[in-house]
Amino acid sequence: MNKKTRILGLLATTVLAGTILAGTTVVQAQQTRLTVATVNNGDMIVMQKLSSRFEQANPDIKLDWVVLEENVLRQRVTTDIATKGGQYDVLTIGTYEVPIWAKQGWIKKFDNLSADYDVADVLKPVREGLSYEGTLYALPFYAESSMTYYRTDLVQKTGLTMPERPTYDQIKEIASKIHDPANQVYGICLRGKPGWGENMAFLSTMVNTFGGQWFDKDWNTKIESPEWKQAVSFYIDLLKNYGPPGASSNGFNENLAMFSNGQCGIWIDATVAAGMVFNPATSKVSDKLGFAQAPVASWPKGSNWLWSWALAVPESSKKEAAAKKFVTWATSKEYIKLVGETEGWVSAPPGTRASTYDNKQYVEAAPFAKFVEQAIETADPINTTKNPKSYVGVQFAGIPEFQAIGTQTGQTMAAALTGQMTVDQALKTAQSAAERAMRQAGYKK
């Protein structure tokens, strides 16, 4: 090879390398980065893990994750959406926020979904809860009601039987006989961590079934009522006498860990936990798991809640097409199948689609499947309370002011649980704060 040929070869190589680099720069410049805000629940951790599949199929989209504890997520996402901060392109929000934020024009519609997505397959209560004026504004990642979990071995030792639908008095009796703090086994675990979606999610259903409610049909606040006092007193008595120490710090994830580790005899919480506590890879009591419906007291309705963790796209996002592409992927039948095939069918996101409960692989892997489907289908956000009410929602009141009211009430209930307040003081404080908020918002003159 002569000198001239070598020079021409080097020039050609340089030009080719420059072309490749330029092409890479173009690809990188065209890549859309989406910031996804989600809660640190187990199903969302799986979504984050499997999202690499989405990125491989969509190399023009890159996902950046912000995974937060539930109360922190709600605070940050609410602040960002209200101020149009634009930090996030995909939000994890729930049945409470969707219709309120849709009315405010804060989140984008999902009104042109493809036939492959199969909207009709989404369970009707879940679909309706994520709609405003008949249009979907978020797509459900998983949905849940609430139920009772218990250790069959411990209940058997008591000589008692857990009914299919226990009363709270029966729960208390069984918990009292299971309770063995010397061996770090506690009769019952319940949410104590303050927050409208933490302790008040559970306590609201308890208030419902004891005959109480947040507001009456004329928007009068009903927190300082005999029914609330009875429910809250019963709740505190259960946790103080038969619960673990430090219960006021325990939310869904903390109680899930304790129950899965064998430290709780009874746990009343979200149906979504069923797949986690039944999975031997994540639970020491998977072979000792029993389940029943959420307990009732004097009123049979409103004891099991209705909730969906859903994915929405804020109006402030400038990346609507890419964001919606990810949301439809993460909430699709195909994604549920992907989880089933990679993580095991017992881990598939529950509660959203009829096809999941028609899937023999899922039903065989999850013996609680039909039970959970029934709990979701029968939860009624309209006819929830013994006396007529003015709001929609089982474990929350579907008004913008409730987030603040529920949060403050949760703090006072936690104070009563730790003994910083009496039950009467806590109810009076919560009642006053709620009445003030409702007056300022114009519900009451």
Protein backbone atom coordinates (compact mmCIF):
# COMPACT_ATOMS: atom_id res chain seq x y z
CA MET A 1 0.00 0.00 0.00
CA ASN A 2 1.49 3.33 -1.04
CA LYS A 3 1.43 6.49 1.00
CA LYS A 4 -1.41 8.05 -1.00
CA THR A 5 -3.62 4.98 -0.50
CA ARG A 6 -2.95 4.99 3.26
CA ILE A 7 -3.92 8.66 3.50
CA LEU A 8 -7.14 8.09 1.55
CA GLY A 9 -7.95 5.11 3.80
CA LEU A 10 -7.41 7.16 6.95
CA LEU A 11 -9.59 9.93 5.57
CA ALA A 12 -12.35 7.46 4.75
CA THR A 13 -12.14 5.94 8.23
CA THR A 14 -12.31 9.39 9.83
CA VAL A 15 -15.32 10.36 7.74
CA LEU A 16 -17.06 7.05 8.59
CA ALA A 17 -16.35 7.46 12.30
CA GLY A 18 -17.66 11.01 12.18
CA THR A 19 -20.80 9.83 10.46
CA ILE A 20 -21.38 7.14 13.12
CA LEU A 21 -20.79 9.62 15.94
CA ALA A 22 -23.06 12.14 14.27
CA GLY A 23 -25.72 9.46 13.93
CA THR A 24 -25.33 8.56 17.60
CA THR A 25 -25.67 12.22 18.53
CA VAL A 26 -28.85 12.46 16.49
CA VAL A 27 -30.32 9.38 18.20
CA GLN A 28 -29.39 10.73 21.63
CA ALA A 29 -30.82 14.13 20.79
CA GLN A 30 -34.09 12.53 19.70
CA GLN A 31 -34.40 10.32 22.78
CA THR A 32 -37.26 11.38 25.07
CA ARG A 33 -36.61 11.19 28.82
CA LEU A 34 -39.66 10.59 30.99
CA THR A 35 -39.66 11.19 34.74
CA VAL A 36 -41.96 8.68 36.45
CA ALA A 37 -43.11 9.35 40.04
CA THR A 38 -44.37 6.29 41.87
CA VAL A 39 -44.93 4.79 45.32
CA ASN A 40 -42.53 2.30 46.92
CA ASN A 41 -45.04 -0.57 46.98
CA GLY A 42 -43.97 -4.00 45.80
CA ASP A 43 -45.90 -3.97 42.52
CA MET A 44 -44.36 -0.64 41.53
CA ILE A 45 -40.88 -1.94 42.30
CA VAL A 46 -41.59 -4.80 39.87
CA MET A 47 -42.80 -2.25 37.28
CA GLN A 48 -39.54 -0.34 37.62
CA LYS A 49 -37.58 -3.57 37.24
CA LEU A 50 -39.46 -4.69 34.12
CA SER A 51 -39.48 -1.25 32.51
CA SER A 52 -36.19 -2.13 30.81
CA ARG A 53 -38.34 -4.27 28.49
CA PHE A 54 -40.25 -1.16 27.50
CA GLU A 55 -37.02 0.77 26.89
CA GLN A 56 -35.64 -2.05 24.74
CA ALA A 57 -38.80 -2.01 22.60
CA ASN A 58 -38.77 1.81 22.54
CA PRO A 59 -35.11 2.91 22.31
CA ASP A 60 -36.22 6.50 21.71
CA ILE A 61 -37.64 6.66 25.28
CA LYS A 62 -35.61 6.68 28.51
CA LEU A 63 -37.28 6.35 31.93
CA ASP A 64 -36.05 8.18 35.02
CA TRP A 65 -37.64 6.95 38.26
CA VAL A 66 -38.62 8.82 41.42
CA VAL A 67 -39.79 6.20 43.95
CA LEU A 68 -41.17 7.60 47.22
CA GLU A 69 -42.95 6.56 50.40
CA GLU A 70 -46.72 7.02 50.06
CA ASN A 71 -47.20 10.17 52.14
CA VAL A 72 -44.15 11.86 50.56
CA LEU A 73 -45.28 10.92 47.05
CA ARG A 74 -48.70 12.45 47.60
CA GLN A 75 -47.24 15.66 48.97
CA ARG A 76 -44.72 16.16 46.16
CA VAL A 77 -47.01 15.16 43.32
CA THR A 78 -49.88 17.32 44.61
CA THR A 79 -47.60 20.34 45.00
CA ASP A 80 -46.13 19.86 41.54
CA ILE A 81 -49.48 19.43 39.79
CA ALA A 82 -51.11 22.38 41.56
CA THR A 83 -48.22 24.73 40.77
CA LYS A 84 -47.74 23.34 37.22
CA GLY A 85 -44.13 22.65 38.15
CA GLY A 86 -43.64 20.08 35.39
CA GLN A 87 -41.19 17.88 37.32
CA TYR A 88 -42.93 14.65 36.31
CA ASP A 89 -44.23 13.18 33.05
CA VAL A 90 -46.03 10.20 34.61
CA LEU A 91 -47.74 10.35 38.01
CA THR A 92 -48.89 7.53 40.26
CA ILE A 93 -52.16 8.76 41.72
CA GLY A 94 -55.35 7.17 43.00
CA THR A 95 -59.10 7.01 42.78
CA TYR A 96 -59.39 10.05 45.03
CA GLU A 97 -57.27 12.43 42.96
CA VAL A 98 -58.30 11.52 39.41
CA PRO A 99 -61.81 13.06 39.15
CA ILE A 100 -60.77 16.11 41.18
CA TRP A 101 -57.65 16.80 39.14
CA ALA A 102 -59.49 16.09 35.88
CA LYS A 103 -62.09 18.70 36.79
CA GLN A 104 -59.28 21.17 37.43
CA GLY A 105 -57.75 20.42 34.02
CA TRP A 106 -54.52 19.18 35.61
CA ILE A 107 -54.24 15.78 33.90
CA LYS A 108 -54.62 14.63 30.32
CA LYS A 109 -57.46 12.52 28.92
CA PHE A 110 -57.09 8.92 27.79
CA ASP A 111 -59.85 9.09 25.20
CA ASN A 112 -58.20 7.56 22.13
CA LEU A 113 -57.03 4.19 23.39
CA SER A 114 -56.48 1.49 20.78
CA ALA A 115 -58.69 -1.55 20.41
CA ASP A 116 -55.74 -3.68 21.60
CA TYR A 117 -55.82 -1.95 24.98
CA ASP A 118 -59.38 -3.27 25.49
CA VAL A 119 -60.90 -0.68 27.83
CA ALA A 120 -64.01 -2.83 28.29
CA ASP A 121 -61.80 -5.44 29.98
CA VAL A 122 -61.08 -3.04 32.86
CA LEU A 123 -63.43 -3.79 35.79
CA LYS A 124 -66.32 -1.33 35.82
CA PRO A 125 -65.89 0.04 39.42
CA VAL A 126 -62.21 0.68 38.70
CA ARG A 127 -62.90 2.28 35.32
CA GLU A 128 -65.62 4.54 36.73
CA GLY A 129 -63.42 5.59 39.65
CA LEU A 130 -60.75 6.84 37.25
CA SER A 131 -63.16 8.76 35.02
CA TYR A 132 -64.59 12.26 34.96
CA GLU A 133 -67.73 12.99 32.97
CA GLY A 134 -67.47 9.58 31.35
CA THR A 135 -63.85 9.93 30.16
CA LEU A 136 -60.81 8.13 31.58
CA TYR A 137 -58.09 10.44 32.90
CA ALA A 138 -55.79 7.74 34.30
CA LEU A 139 -55.22 4.03 33.69
CA PRO A 140 -55.19 1.51 36.55
CA PHE A 141 -51.94 -0.22 37.42
CA TYR A 142 -53.55 -2.26 40.17
CA ALA A 143 -56.78 -2.02 42.12
CA GLU A 144 -57.74 -3.18 45.57
CA SER A 145 -60.34 -3.50 48.24
CA SER A 146 -59.56 -4.59 51.80
CA MET A 147 -59.68 -7.96 53.55
CA THR A 148 -58.60 -9.88 56.64
CA TYR A 149 -55.41 -11.96 56.61
CA TYR A 150 -54.64 -14.39 59.42
CA ARG A 151 -52.28 -17.16 60.47
CA THR A 152 -54.26 -20.41 60.24
CA ASP A 153 -51.90 -22.22 62.61
CA LEU A 154 -52.30 -19.61 65.34
CA VAL A 155 -56.07 -19.36 64.98
CA GLN A 156 -56.35 -23.15 65.13
CA LYS A 157 -54.45 -23.20 68.43
CA THR A 158 -57.03 -20.86 69.97
CA GLY A 159 -59.81 -23.36 69.34
CA LEU A 160 -61.76 -20.62 67.56
CA THR A 161 -62.74 -20.33 63.90
CA MET A 162 -62.30 -17.30 61.69
CA PRO A 163 -65.66 -16.70 59.96
CA GLU A 164 -65.79 -15.85 56.27
CA ARG A 165 -67.03 -12.41 57.29
CA PRO A 166 -65.97 -11.79 60.90
CA THR A 167 -67.31 -9.12 63.22
CA TYR A 168 -64.92 -6.82 65.00
CA ASP A 169 -65.86 -8.47 68.29
CA GLN A 170 -64.78 -11.83 66.86
CA ILE A 171 -61.54 -10.29 65.60
CA LYS A 172 -60.83 -8.92 69.07
CA GLU A 173 -61.50 -12.28 70.73
CA ILE A 174 -59.20 -14.17 68.36
CA ALA A 175 -56.47 -11.51 68.58
CA SER A 176 -56.53 -11.65 72.38
CA LYS A 177 -55.85 -15.39 72.35
CA ILE A 178 -53.13 -15.22 69.68
CA HIS A 179 -51.22 -12.33 71.30
CA ASP A 180 -47.81 -13.54 72.52
CA PRO A 181 -45.46 -10.56 72.77
CA ALA A 182 -42.84 -12.57 74.65
CA ASN A 183 -42.26 -14.47 71.39
CA GLN A 184 -42.74 -11.36 69.21
CA VAL A 185 -46.08 -12.57 67.89
CA TYR A 186 -48.82 -9.95 68.12
CA GLY A 187 -52.54 -10.54 68.00
CA ILE A 188 -53.24 -7.94 65.33
CA CYS A 189 -51.47 -5.44 63.08
CA LEU A 190 -53.29 -2.37 61.77
CA ARG A 191 -52.21 0.87 60.13
CA GLY A 192 -51.17 3.47 62.68
CA LYS A 193 -48.98 5.76 60.58
CA PRO A 194 -50.79 9.12 60.18
CA GLY A 195 -52.04 10.07 56.75
CA TRP A 196 -55.33 10.23 54.91
CA GLY A 197 -54.21 7.25 52.82
CA GLU A 198 -52.55 5.43 55.71
CA ASN A 199 -54.28 5.17 59.11
CA MET A 200 -57.40 6.97 57.87
CA ALA A 201 -57.87 4.58 54.94
CA PHE A 202 -58.42 1.83 57.48
CA LEU A 203 -60.12 3.92 60.16
CA SER A 204 -62.64 5.40 57.72
CA THR A 205 -63.92 1.92 56.86
CA MET A 206 -64.09 1.10 60.55
CA VAL A 207 -66.10 4.26 61.19
CA ASN A 208 -68.44 3.32 58.32
CA THR A 209 -69.22 -0.12 59.70
CA PHE A 210 -69.72 1.29 63.21
CA GLY A 211 -72.44 3.51 61.70
CA GLY A 212 -70.48 6.77 61.30
CA GLN A 213 -69.43 9.00 58.40
CA TRP A 214 -67.30 12.04 57.56
CA PHE A 215 -70.15 14.40 56.62
CA ASP A 216 -73.93 14.14 56.49
CA LYS A 217 -76.11 14.98 53.49
CA ASP A 218 -75.93 18.71 54.34
CA TRP A 219 -72.12 18.75 54.71
CA ASN A 220 -72.23 18.87 58.50
CA THR A 221 -69.02 17.38 59.91
CA LYS A 222 -69.72 14.21 61.93
CA ILE A 223 -66.31 13.36 63.39
CA GLU A 224 -67.26 14.24 66.97
CA SER A 225 -70.06 11.68 67.09
CA PRO A 226 -70.81 8.57 69.19
CA GLU A 227 -70.12 6.33 66.19
CA TRP A 228 -66.66 7.80 65.62
CA LYS A 229 -65.87 7.55 69.32
CA GLN A 230 -66.92 3.91 69.42
CA ALA A 231 -64.89 3.02 66.32
CA VAL A 232 -61.73 4.91 67.33
CA SER A 233 -61.88 3.61 70.90
CA PHE A 234 -62.18 0.05 69.61
CA TYR A 235 -59.27 0.59 67.22
CA ILE A 236 -57.00 2.00 69.93
CA ASP A 237 -57.99 -0.76 72.36
CA LEU A 238 -57.07 -3.40 69.76
CA LEU A 239 -53.63 -1.95 69.05
CA LYS A 240 -52.74 -1.03 72.64
CA ASN A 241 -53.65 -4.45 74.01
CA TYR A 242 -52.92 -6.83 71.14
CA GLY A 243 -50.80 -4.88 68.65
CA PRO A 244 -47.05 -4.50 68.21
CA PRO A 245 -45.06 -1.76 69.95
CA GLY A 246 -44.67 1.42 67.91
CA ALA A 247 -47.89 0.79 65.95
CA SER A 248 -48.25 4.52 65.26
CA SER A 249 -45.26 4.26 62.90
CA ASN A 250 -46.62 1.33 60.91
CA GLY A 251 -48.30 1.76 57.54
CA PHE A 252 -49.00 -0.71 54.76
CA ASN A 253 -45.38 -1.64 54.01
CA GLU A 254 -44.35 -1.98 57.66
CA ASN A 255 -47.30 -4.24 58.50
CA LEU A 256 -46.76 -6.25 55.33
CA ALA A 257 -43.19 -6.94 56.43
CA MET A 258 -44.28 -7.94 59.94
CA PHE A 259 -47.07 -10.22 58.77
CA SER A 260 -44.84 -11.84 56.13
CA ASN A 261 -42.23 -12.43 58.84
CA GLY A 262 -44.74 -14.25 61.05
CA GLN A 263 -45.12 -11.52 63.68
CA CYS A 264 -48.85 -10.78 63.22
CA GLY A 265 -51.69 -13.17 63.91
CA ILE A 266 -54.26 -11.01 62.11
CA TRP A 267 -53.82 -8.19 59.63
CA ILE A 268 -56.64 -6.16 58.05
CA ASP A 269 -55.46 -4.28 54.96
CA ALA A 270 -55.42 -4.02 51.19
CA THR A 271 -56.25 -7.00 48.99
CA VAL A 272 -53.16 -6.26 46.89
CA ALA A 273 -51.04 -7.77 49.66
CA ALA A 274 -52.52 -11.22 49.05
CA GLY A 275 -50.07 -12.04 46.26
CA MET A 276 -47.16 -10.92 48.42
CA VAL A 277 -48.01 -12.86 51.59
CA PHE A 278 -48.97 -15.97 49.60
CA ASN A 279 -45.66 -15.96 47.71
CA PRO A 280 -43.07 -18.18 49.47
CA ALA A 281 -40.31 -16.06 47.98
CA THR A 282 -41.46 -13.04 50.01
CA SER A 283 -43.37 -14.58 52.93
CA LYS A 284 -42.53 -16.99 55.74
CA VAL A 285 -46.22 -17.69 56.34
CA SER A 286 -47.33 -18.48 52.79
CA ASP A 287 -48.25 -22.02 53.85
CA LYS A 288 -50.17 -20.78 56.90
CA LEU A 289 -52.24 -18.07 55.24
CA GLY A 290 -55.95 -17.70 55.76
CA PHE A 291 -58.14 -14.89 54.53
CA ALA A 292 -61.61 -13.53 55.17
CA GLN A 293 -63.64 -10.50 54.26
CA ALA A 294 -63.07 -7.17 56.00
CA PRO A 295 -64.72 -7.19 59.45
CA VAL A 296 -68.06 -5.55 60.17
CA ALA A 297 -69.70 -4.01 63.21
CA SER A 298 -73.29 -2.72 63.45
CA TRP A 299 -73.55 -1.62 59.76
CA PRO A 300 -72.68 -4.15 57.03
CA LYS A 301 -71.61 -1.70 54.31
CA GLY A 302 -68.49 0.41 53.93
CA SER A 303 -66.19 -2.06 55.69
CA ASN A 304 -64.14 -2.80 52.55
CA TRP A 305 -62.63 0.08 50.65
CA LEU A 306 -62.17 0.70 46.93
CA TRP A 307 -58.89 2.05 45.60
CA SER A 308 -56.78 1.99 42.49
CA TRP A 309 -53.19 3.07 42.06
CA ALA A 310 -53.20 4.50 38.55
CA LEU A 311 -50.86 6.20 36.13
CA ALA A 312 -51.69 9.65 34.80
CA VAL A 313 -50.00 12.25 32.59
CA PRO A 314 -49.99 15.84 33.88
CA GLU A 315 -50.97 18.70 31.60
CA SER A 316 -47.59 20.27 32.40
CA SER A 317 -45.73 17.46 30.61
CA LYS A 318 -44.40 18.37 27.17
CA LYS A 319 -43.94 14.67 26.32
CA GLU A 320 -47.55 13.51 26.11
CA ALA A 321 -47.16 10.92 23.34
CA ALA A 322 -44.21 9.13 24.96
CA ALA A 323 -45.77 9.31 28.44
CA LYS A 324 -49.05 7.82 27.24
CA LYS A 325 -47.16 5.11 25.39
CA PHE A 326 -45.50 4.04 28.65
CA VAL A 327 -48.73 4.27 30.68
CA THR A 328 -50.67 2.09 28.24
CA TRP A 329 -47.83 -0.46 28.24
CA ALA A 330 -47.62 -0.63 32.06
CA THR A 331 -51.39 -1.09 32.46
CA SER A 332 -51.98 -3.48 29.56
CA LYS A 333 -52.93 -7.16 29.44
CA GLU A 334 -49.50 -7.76 27.92
CA TYR A 335 -47.75 -6.25 30.96
CA ILE A 336 -49.78 -8.44 33.33
CA LYS A 337 -48.73 -11.46 31.27
CA LEU A 338 -45.10 -10.32 31.41
CA VAL A 339 -45.21 -10.16 35.22
CA GLY A 340 -46.88 -13.55 35.40
CA GLU A 341 -44.28 -15.17 33.18
CA THR A 342 -41.21 -13.52 34.75
CA GLU A 343 -42.15 -13.01 38.41
CA GLY A 344 -44.76 -15.75 38.84
CA TRP A 345 -48.50 -15.46 38.29
CA VAL A 346 -49.18 -14.90 41.98
CA SER A 347 -47.32 -11.57 41.60
CA ALA A 348 -49.40 -10.31 38.67
CA PRO A 349 -50.95 -6.85 39.30
CA PRO A 350 -54.45 -7.58 40.64
CA GLY A 351 -57.84 -5.98 40.54
CA THR A 352 -57.88 -4.21 37.20
CA ARG A 353 -58.99 -6.55 34.42
CA ALA A 354 -61.64 -9.23 33.97
CA SER A 355 -59.18 -11.17 31.79
CA THR A 356 -56.85 -11.58 34.78
CA TYR A 357 -59.59 -13.41 36.68
CA ASP A 358 -60.47 -15.49 33.62
CA ASN A 359 -56.85 -16.59 33.34
CA LYS A 360 -56.51 -20.18 34.63
CA GLN A 361 -52.80 -19.73 35.34
CA TYR A 362 -53.51 -16.77 37.61
CA VAL A 363 -56.50 -18.35 39.38
CA GLU A 364 -54.55 -21.56 40.02
CA ALA A 365 -51.56 -19.64 41.37
CA ALA A 366 -53.72 -17.27 43.46
CA PRO A 367 -56.49 -19.12 45.33
CA PHE A 368 -57.67 -15.78 46.71
CA ALA A 369 -58.27 -14.37 43.20
CA LYS A 370 -62.05 -14.67 42.98
CA PHE A 371 -62.36 -13.53 46.59
CA VAL A 372 -60.48 -10.32 45.78
CA GLU A 373 -62.47 -9.76 42.59
CA GLN A 374 -65.70 -10.01 44.57
CA ALA A 375 -64.46 -7.58 47.23
CA ILE A 376 -63.66 -5.00 44.54
CA GLU A 377 -66.90 -5.54 42.65
CA THR A 378 -69.04 -5.17 45.79
CA ALA A 379 -67.34 -2.06 47.21
CA ASP A 380 -69.86 0.76 46.82
CA PRO A 381 -68.56 4.36 46.98
CA ILE A 382 -72.13 5.75 46.84
CA ASN A 383 -74.18 3.71 49.34
CA THR A 384 -71.53 3.35 51.99
CA THR A 385 -72.82 4.76 55.27
CA LYS A 386 -75.78 4.02 57.52
CA ASN A 387 -77.15 7.54 57.15
CA PRO A 388 -77.24 9.58 53.90
CA LYS A 389 -74.01 11.34 52.98
CA SER A 390 -73.05 14.15 50.63
CA TYR A 391 -69.83 12.73 49.19
CA VAL A 392 -68.61 9.90 46.98
CA GLY A 393 -66.01 7.51 48.38
CA VAL A 394 -65.67 4.60 50.79
CA GLN A 395 -62.49 5.40 52.74
CA PHE A 396 -62.35 9.05 51.69
CA ALA A 397 -64.63 11.94 50.80
CA GLY A 398 -64.18 12.85 47.15
CA ILE A 399 -63.71 16.60 47.61
CA PRO A 400 -60.49 18.64 47.19
CA GLU A 401 -60.47 19.64 50.86
CA PHE A 402 -60.39 16.07 52.10
CA GLN A 403 -56.66 15.59 51.62
CA ALA A 404 -55.93 18.24 54.27
CA ILE A 405 -58.86 17.21 56.48
CA GLY A 406 -57.93 13.54 56.32
CA THR A 407 -54.27 14.21 56.98
CA GLN A 408 -54.98 16.34 60.06
CA THR A 409 -57.49 13.82 61.36
CA GLY A 410 -54.92 11.08 60.87
CA GLN A 411 -52.43 13.02 62.96
CA THR A 412 -54.90 13.45 65.82
CA MET A 413 -55.83 9.75 65.70
CA ALA A 414 -52.13 8.84 65.90
CA ALA A 415 -51.81 11.18 68.88
CA ALA A 416 -54.68 9.38 70.58
CA LEU A 417 -53.05 6.03 69.82
CA THR A 418 -49.79 7.11 71.47
CA GLY A 419 -51.60 8.61 74.48
CA GLN A 420 -50.76 12.24 73.71
CA MET A 421 -54.50 12.95 73.52
CA THR A 422 -57.62 11.27 74.80
CA VAL A 423 -60.05 9.98 72.21
CA ASP A 424 -62.45 12.81 73.07
CA GLN A 425 -59.72 15.42 72.65
CA ALA A 426 -58.62 13.94 69.32
CA LEU A 427 -62.16 13.88 67.96
CA LYS A 428 -62.85 17.42 69.11
CA THR A 429 -59.62 18.69 67.53
CA ALA A 430 -60.31 16.91 64.24
CA GLN A 431 -63.93 18.10 64.21
CA SER A 432 -62.92 21.73 64.72
CA ALA A 433 -60.26 21.61 62.01
CA ALA A 434 -62.62 19.95 59.53
CA GLU A 435 -65.45 22.40 60.24
CA ARG A 436 -63.09 25.33 59.71
CA ALA A 437 -61.86 23.92 56.40
CA MET A 438 -65.41 23.28 55.20
CA ARG A 439 -66.53 26.81 56.11
CA GLN A 440 -63.54 28.36 54.33
CA ALA A 441 -64.29 26.26 51.26
CA GLY A 442 -67.90 27.41 51.22
CA TYR A 443 -69.63 24.14 52.04
CA LYS A 444 -71.05 25.60 55.27
CA LYS A 445 -71.96 29.21 56.00
